[in-house]
N, C-alpha and C. Protein backbone atom coordinates (compact mmCIF):
# COMPACT_ATOMS: atom_id res chain seq x y z
N MET A 1 -74.65 55.32 -27.06
CA MET A 1 -73.22 55.23 -27.19
C MET A 1 -72.53 56.46 -26.59
N LYS A 2 -73.11 57.66 -26.91
CA LYS A 2 -72.53 58.88 -26.35
C LYS A 2 -72.62 58.87 -24.83
N THR A 3 -73.72 58.37 -24.30
CA THR A 3 -73.90 58.30 -22.86
C THR A 3 -72.87 57.38 -22.23
N LEU A 4 -72.59 56.25 -22.90
CA LEU A 4 -71.61 55.31 -22.40
C LEU A 4 -70.21 55.93 -22.39
N ARG A 5 -69.87 56.68 -23.45
CA ARG A 5 -68.56 57.34 -23.52
C ARG A 5 -68.45 58.42 -22.43
N ALA A 6 -69.51 59.18 -22.24
CA ALA A 6 -69.51 60.23 -21.23
C ALA A 6 -69.35 59.62 -19.84
N ALA A 7 -70.05 58.53 -19.59
CA ALA A 7 -69.95 57.85 -18.30
C ALA A 7 -68.53 57.31 -18.10
N ALA A 8 -67.96 56.75 -19.14
CA ALA A 8 -66.60 56.22 -19.04
C ALA A 8 -65.61 57.35 -18.79
N GLY A 9 -65.82 58.50 -19.44
CA GLY A 9 -64.95 59.66 -19.23
C GLY A 9 -65.03 60.15 -17.80
N ILE A 10 -66.22 60.18 -17.22
CA ILE A 10 -66.40 60.61 -15.83
C ILE A 10 -65.72 59.63 -14.88
N ILE A 11 -65.86 58.36 -15.14
CA ILE A 11 -65.25 57.33 -14.29
C ILE A 11 -63.72 57.45 -14.33
N VAL A 12 -63.17 57.63 -15.53
CA VAL A 12 -61.71 57.78 -15.66
C VAL A 12 -61.25 59.04 -14.94
N SER A 13 -61.98 60.15 -15.09
CA SER A 13 -61.60 61.40 -14.41
C SER A 13 -61.65 61.24 -12.90
N CYS A 14 -62.72 60.62 -12.41
CA CYS A 14 -62.83 60.40 -10.96
C CYS A 14 -61.71 59.49 -10.46
N GLY A 15 -61.38 58.47 -11.22
CA GLY A 15 -60.30 57.57 -10.84
C GLY A 15 -58.97 58.31 -10.78
N ALA A 16 -58.73 59.21 -11.74
CA ALA A 16 -57.48 59.98 -11.76
C ALA A 16 -57.42 60.91 -10.55
N LEU A 17 -58.53 61.54 -10.21
CA LEU A 17 -58.56 62.42 -9.04
C LEU A 17 -58.35 61.63 -7.75
N LEU A 18 -58.98 60.48 -7.66
CA LEU A 18 -58.82 59.64 -6.49
C LEU A 18 -57.37 59.17 -6.35
N LEU A 19 -56.76 58.77 -7.45
CA LEU A 19 -55.36 58.34 -7.43
C LEU A 19 -54.44 59.49 -7.03
N ALA A 20 -54.68 60.67 -7.57
CA ALA A 20 -53.84 61.83 -7.22
C ALA A 20 -53.96 62.15 -5.73
N GLY A 21 -55.18 62.08 -5.20
CA GLY A 21 -55.39 62.34 -3.76
C GLY A 21 -54.69 61.31 -2.89
N THR A 22 -54.73 60.05 -3.32
CA THR A 22 -54.07 58.98 -2.56
C THR A 22 -52.56 59.16 -2.56
N VAL A 23 -51.99 59.52 -3.71
CA VAL A 23 -50.54 59.73 -3.80
C VAL A 23 -50.13 60.91 -2.92
N ALA A 24 -50.90 62.00 -2.97
CA ALA A 24 -50.59 63.18 -2.15
C ALA A 24 -50.68 62.84 -0.67
N ALA A 25 -51.70 62.08 -0.28
CA ALA A 25 -51.85 61.70 1.13
C ALA A 25 -50.69 60.81 1.58
N GLY A 26 -50.28 59.90 0.71
CA GLY A 26 -49.15 59.02 1.04
C GLY A 26 -47.86 59.81 1.21
N ALA A 27 -47.66 60.81 0.36
CA ALA A 27 -46.45 61.64 0.48
C ALA A 27 -46.48 62.43 1.78
N ALA A 28 -47.66 62.94 2.16
CA ALA A 28 -47.77 63.69 3.41
C ALA A 28 -47.50 62.78 4.61
N ASP A 29 -48.02 61.54 4.57
CA ASP A 29 -47.76 60.59 5.65
C ASP A 29 -46.27 60.27 5.75
N GLN A 30 -45.64 60.06 4.59
CA GLN A 30 -44.20 59.75 4.58
C GLN A 30 -43.41 60.92 5.17
N GLN A 31 -43.78 62.15 4.81
CA GLN A 31 -43.07 63.32 5.32
C GLN A 31 -43.28 63.44 6.82
N ALA A 32 -44.48 63.17 7.30
CA ALA A 32 -44.77 63.28 8.73
C ALA A 32 -44.01 62.23 9.53
N GLN A 33 -43.70 61.08 8.92
CA GLN A 33 -43.01 60.02 9.62
C GLN A 33 -41.50 60.11 9.51
N SER A 34 -40.98 61.08 8.74
CA SER A 34 -39.53 61.23 8.58
C SER A 34 -38.90 61.57 9.91
N PRO A 35 -37.69 61.06 10.17
CA PRO A 35 -37.02 61.40 11.43
C PRO A 35 -36.65 62.87 11.44
N PRO A 36 -36.51 63.46 12.62
CA PRO A 36 -36.17 64.88 12.69
C PRO A 36 -34.77 65.12 12.12
N THR A 37 -34.62 66.27 11.46
CA THR A 37 -33.32 66.62 10.91
C THR A 37 -32.46 67.25 11.99
N ALA A 38 -31.19 67.41 11.69
CA ALA A 38 -30.27 68.04 12.65
C ALA A 38 -30.72 69.47 12.94
N ALA A 39 -31.22 70.16 11.91
CA ALA A 39 -31.65 71.54 12.11
C ALA A 39 -32.84 71.61 13.06
N SER A 40 -33.82 70.70 12.89
CA SER A 40 -34.97 70.76 13.78
C SER A 40 -34.60 70.33 15.20
N THR A 41 -33.67 69.41 15.32
CA THR A 41 -33.23 68.99 16.64
C THR A 41 -32.48 70.12 17.33
N ALA A 42 -31.63 70.80 16.60
CA ALA A 42 -30.87 71.90 17.19
C ALA A 42 -31.80 73.03 17.59
N ALA A 43 -32.86 73.24 16.78
CA ALA A 43 -33.78 74.32 17.10
C ALA A 43 -34.52 74.05 18.41
N ALA A 44 -34.61 72.77 18.80
CA ALA A 44 -35.29 72.43 20.04
C ALA A 44 -34.57 73.01 21.24
N GLY A 45 -33.24 73.14 21.17
CA GLY A 45 -32.47 73.74 22.25
C GLY A 45 -32.43 72.87 23.49
N VAL A 46 -32.17 73.52 24.62
CA VAL A 46 -32.07 72.82 25.89
C VAL A 46 -33.21 73.27 26.80
N THR A 47 -33.63 72.40 27.68
CA THR A 47 -34.67 72.75 28.64
C THR A 47 -34.06 73.62 29.74
N ASP A 48 -34.90 74.25 30.51
CA ASP A 48 -34.41 75.07 31.62
C ASP A 48 -33.62 74.22 32.62
N ALA A 49 -34.10 73.00 32.88
CA ALA A 49 -33.40 72.11 33.82
C ALA A 49 -32.02 71.72 33.28
N GLU A 50 -31.96 71.41 31.97
CA GLU A 50 -30.67 71.07 31.36
C GLU A 50 -29.72 72.26 31.41
N LYS A 51 -30.26 73.43 31.13
CA LYS A 51 -29.43 74.64 31.15
C LYS A 51 -28.87 74.89 32.54
N ALA A 52 -29.69 74.71 33.56
CA ALA A 52 -29.24 74.91 34.94
C ALA A 52 -28.14 73.91 35.31
N ALA A 53 -28.35 72.64 34.92
CA ALA A 53 -27.35 71.61 35.21
C ALA A 53 -26.05 71.89 34.44
N ALA A 54 -26.18 72.29 33.19
CA ALA A 54 -25.00 72.59 32.37
C ALA A 54 -24.23 73.78 32.94
N LYS A 55 -24.95 74.78 33.41
CA LYS A 55 -24.27 75.95 33.98
C LYS A 55 -23.51 75.59 35.26
N GLN A 56 -24.03 74.66 36.06
CA GLN A 56 -23.30 74.21 37.25
C GLN A 56 -22.01 73.52 36.85
N ILE A 57 -22.10 72.63 35.86
CA ILE A 57 -20.90 71.94 35.39
C ILE A 57 -19.93 72.95 34.79
N PHE A 58 -20.46 73.89 34.01
CA PHE A 58 -19.63 74.89 33.36
C PHE A 58 -18.86 75.71 34.40
N ALA A 59 -19.55 76.14 35.45
CA ALA A 59 -18.92 76.94 36.49
C ALA A 59 -17.78 76.18 37.15
N ALA A 60 -17.96 74.87 37.36
CA ALA A 60 -16.94 74.07 38.05
C ALA A 60 -15.80 73.64 37.13
N GLN A 61 -16.08 73.40 35.86
CA GLN A 61 -15.08 72.79 34.98
C GLN A 61 -14.58 73.68 33.85
N CYS A 62 -15.41 74.56 33.33
CA CYS A 62 -15.09 75.25 32.08
C CYS A 62 -14.79 76.74 32.24
N SER A 63 -15.34 77.32 33.30
CA SER A 63 -15.24 78.78 33.46
C SER A 63 -13.81 79.26 33.69
N TRP A 64 -12.90 78.36 34.01
CA TRP A 64 -11.50 78.75 34.20
C TRP A 64 -10.92 79.32 32.91
N CYS A 65 -11.43 78.84 31.78
CA CYS A 65 -10.88 79.28 30.49
C CYS A 65 -11.89 79.98 29.59
N HIS A 66 -13.17 79.64 29.73
CA HIS A 66 -14.20 80.19 28.85
C HIS A 66 -15.07 81.14 29.65
N GLY A 67 -15.10 82.42 29.26
CA GLY A 67 -15.80 83.44 30.03
C GLY A 67 -17.30 83.48 29.84
N ASP A 68 -17.97 84.00 30.86
CA ASP A 68 -19.41 84.27 30.83
C ASP A 68 -20.22 83.09 30.30
N TYR A 69 -19.98 81.91 30.87
CA TYR A 69 -20.70 80.68 30.50
C TYR A 69 -20.60 80.37 29.02
N GLY A 70 -19.44 80.69 28.42
CA GLY A 70 -19.20 80.37 27.01
C GLY A 70 -19.53 81.50 26.06
N MET A 71 -20.07 82.60 26.59
CA MET A 71 -20.49 83.71 25.73
C MET A 71 -19.32 84.62 25.33
N LYS A 72 -18.22 84.56 26.08
CA LYS A 72 -17.07 85.43 25.80
C LYS A 72 -15.78 84.61 25.81
N ALA A 73 -14.81 85.10 25.07
CA ALA A 73 -13.48 84.49 25.10
C ALA A 73 -12.76 84.94 26.36
N ASP A 74 -11.88 84.09 26.87
CA ASP A 74 -11.03 84.43 28.01
C ASP A 74 -9.69 83.78 27.69
N LYS A 75 -9.21 82.86 28.52
CA LYS A 75 -8.00 82.11 28.16
C LYS A 75 -8.29 81.16 27.00
N GLY A 76 -9.53 80.71 26.93
CA GLY A 76 -10.01 79.86 25.83
C GLY A 76 -10.96 80.64 24.95
N PRO A 77 -11.36 80.09 23.81
CA PRO A 77 -12.23 80.81 22.88
C PRO A 77 -13.67 80.93 23.36
N GLN A 78 -14.38 81.86 22.76
CA GLN A 78 -15.84 81.97 22.96
C GLN A 78 -16.45 80.69 22.40
N LEU A 79 -17.40 80.12 23.11
CA LEU A 79 -18.03 78.89 22.65
C LEU A 79 -19.32 79.15 21.90
N ALA A 80 -20.00 80.25 22.21
CA ALA A 80 -21.25 80.60 21.53
C ALA A 80 -20.98 80.76 20.04
N GLY A 81 -21.79 80.11 19.23
CA GLY A 81 -21.65 80.22 17.79
C GLY A 81 -20.59 79.32 17.18
N THR A 82 -20.09 78.34 17.95
CA THR A 82 -19.06 77.45 17.41
C THR A 82 -19.53 76.79 16.12
N GLN A 83 -18.61 76.59 15.22
CA GLN A 83 -18.91 75.93 13.95
C GLN A 83 -18.79 74.41 14.06
N MET A 84 -18.32 73.94 15.20
CA MET A 84 -18.19 72.50 15.41
C MET A 84 -19.57 71.87 15.54
N THR A 85 -19.70 70.61 15.12
CA THR A 85 -20.95 69.89 15.32
C THR A 85 -21.07 69.50 16.79
N GLU A 86 -22.25 69.10 17.19
CA GLU A 86 -22.44 68.66 18.58
C GLU A 86 -21.54 67.46 18.89
N GLN A 87 -21.40 66.55 17.93
CA GLN A 87 -20.53 65.38 18.10
C GLN A 87 -19.07 65.82 18.25
N GLU A 88 -18.64 66.78 17.46
CA GLU A 88 -17.27 67.28 17.56
C GLU A 88 -17.02 67.96 18.91
N VAL A 89 -18.02 68.68 19.41
CA VAL A 89 -17.89 69.32 20.72
C VAL A 89 -17.76 68.25 21.80
N GLU A 90 -18.57 67.19 21.72
CA GLU A 90 -18.46 66.08 22.68
C GLU A 90 -17.05 65.50 22.65
N GLU A 91 -16.54 65.24 21.46
CA GLU A 91 -15.20 64.66 21.34
C GLU A 91 -14.14 65.59 21.92
N ARG A 92 -14.29 66.89 21.69
CA ARG A 92 -13.32 67.86 22.20
C ARG A 92 -13.35 67.87 23.73
N ILE A 93 -14.54 67.84 24.32
CA ILE A 93 -14.65 67.83 25.78
C ILE A 93 -14.05 66.54 26.33
N ARG A 94 -14.38 65.42 25.70
CA ARG A 94 -13.92 64.12 26.18
C ARG A 94 -12.40 63.97 26.03
N ASN A 95 -11.86 64.36 24.87
CA ASN A 95 -10.45 64.09 24.56
C ASN A 95 -9.54 65.30 24.68
N GLY A 96 -10.10 66.49 24.76
CA GLY A 96 -9.29 67.70 24.81
C GLY A 96 -8.64 68.00 23.48
N LYS A 97 -7.73 68.97 23.50
CA LYS A 97 -6.94 69.35 22.32
C LYS A 97 -5.53 69.60 22.82
N PRO A 98 -4.60 68.71 22.47
CA PRO A 98 -3.23 68.82 22.99
C PRO A 98 -2.66 70.24 22.85
N GLY A 99 -2.16 70.74 23.97
CA GLY A 99 -1.57 72.07 23.99
C GLY A 99 -2.56 73.21 24.18
N TYR A 100 -3.86 72.89 24.13
CA TYR A 100 -4.87 73.94 24.23
C TYR A 100 -5.93 73.67 25.29
N MET A 101 -6.44 72.44 25.32
CA MET A 101 -7.54 72.12 26.22
C MET A 101 -7.34 70.73 26.80
N PRO A 102 -7.50 70.59 28.11
CA PRO A 102 -7.35 69.26 28.72
C PRO A 102 -8.56 68.37 28.43
N SER A 103 -8.36 67.09 28.58
CA SER A 103 -9.44 66.12 28.48
C SER A 103 -10.26 66.16 29.77
N PHE A 104 -11.57 66.02 29.63
CA PHE A 104 -12.43 66.00 30.82
C PHE A 104 -13.07 64.63 31.06
N ARG A 105 -12.55 63.61 30.39
CA ARG A 105 -13.13 62.26 30.54
C ARG A 105 -13.01 61.71 31.96
N LYS A 106 -12.03 62.18 32.73
CA LYS A 106 -11.88 61.71 34.11
C LYS A 106 -12.79 62.47 35.07
N PHE A 107 -13.31 63.59 34.62
CA PHE A 107 -14.11 64.45 35.50
C PHE A 107 -15.59 64.45 35.18
N LEU A 108 -15.94 64.14 33.92
CA LEU A 108 -17.33 64.15 33.47
C LEU A 108 -17.68 62.80 32.86
N ASN A 109 -18.88 62.32 33.16
CA ASN A 109 -19.32 61.07 32.53
C ASN A 109 -19.91 61.37 31.15
N ASP A 110 -20.26 60.33 30.41
CA ASP A 110 -20.75 60.51 29.04
C ASP A 110 -22.03 61.36 28.98
N GLN A 111 -22.92 61.19 29.96
CA GLN A 111 -24.15 61.99 29.97
C GLN A 111 -23.84 63.46 30.20
N GLN A 112 -22.92 63.74 31.09
CA GLN A 112 -22.54 65.13 31.35
C GLN A 112 -21.86 65.75 30.13
N ILE A 113 -21.02 64.98 29.47
CA ILE A 113 -20.35 65.47 28.27
C ILE A 113 -21.37 65.77 27.18
N ALA A 114 -22.33 64.88 27.00
CA ALA A 114 -23.39 65.10 26.01
C ALA A 114 -24.21 66.34 26.35
N LEU A 115 -24.52 66.52 27.63
CA LEU A 115 -25.26 67.69 28.07
C LEU A 115 -24.49 68.96 27.78
N MET A 116 -23.19 68.95 28.07
CA MET A 116 -22.37 70.14 27.84
C MET A 116 -22.29 70.47 26.35
N ALA A 117 -22.17 69.46 25.51
CA ALA A 117 -22.13 69.69 24.06
C ALA A 117 -23.45 70.29 23.58
N LYS A 118 -24.55 69.75 24.08
CA LYS A 118 -25.87 70.27 23.71
C LYS A 118 -26.02 71.73 24.17
N TYR A 119 -25.59 72.01 25.40
CA TYR A 119 -25.65 73.37 25.94
C TYR A 119 -24.81 74.32 25.09
N ILE A 120 -23.58 73.92 24.79
CA ILE A 120 -22.68 74.79 24.01
C ILE A 120 -23.26 75.06 22.62
N LYS A 121 -23.81 74.04 21.98
CA LYS A 121 -24.41 74.24 20.66
C LYS A 121 -25.65 75.12 20.71
N SER A 122 -26.29 75.23 21.87
CA SER A 122 -27.49 76.08 21.99
C SER A 122 -27.14 77.56 22.18
N LEU A 123 -25.88 77.85 22.49
CA LEU A 123 -25.47 79.24 22.75
C LEU A 123 -25.46 80.04 21.44
N LYS A 124 -26.09 81.18 21.45
CA LYS A 124 -26.10 82.07 20.29
C LYS A 124 -25.26 83.29 20.61
N PRO A 125 -24.34 83.66 19.71
CA PRO A 125 -23.46 84.82 19.98
C PRO A 125 -24.22 86.13 20.06
């Protein structure tokens, strides 16, 4: 009888350990499959090719008001370190700000606007 109880106790303990391991593995799989957060996406930054393309656009369209590729204020504000979200930056480039910044929707396509927003958000003051 004691042997049967001991065996049952071992089986229950092993089952509990196995269940705990399965739950932990499932949680790790779920975490690994989670979509990237905004913070991890922002940390990715821009590639060298994107940066080069953005700087060309910046020189032609933005440098009239924003100094040193967005690093310094000029007629317009410094862009590095903006508190705006990437989406808000896209909207500002596309629609402008009456009395302050013109709309660039006639000069830049949606891909270029998205690239510029990504570039601006990557700038660190």
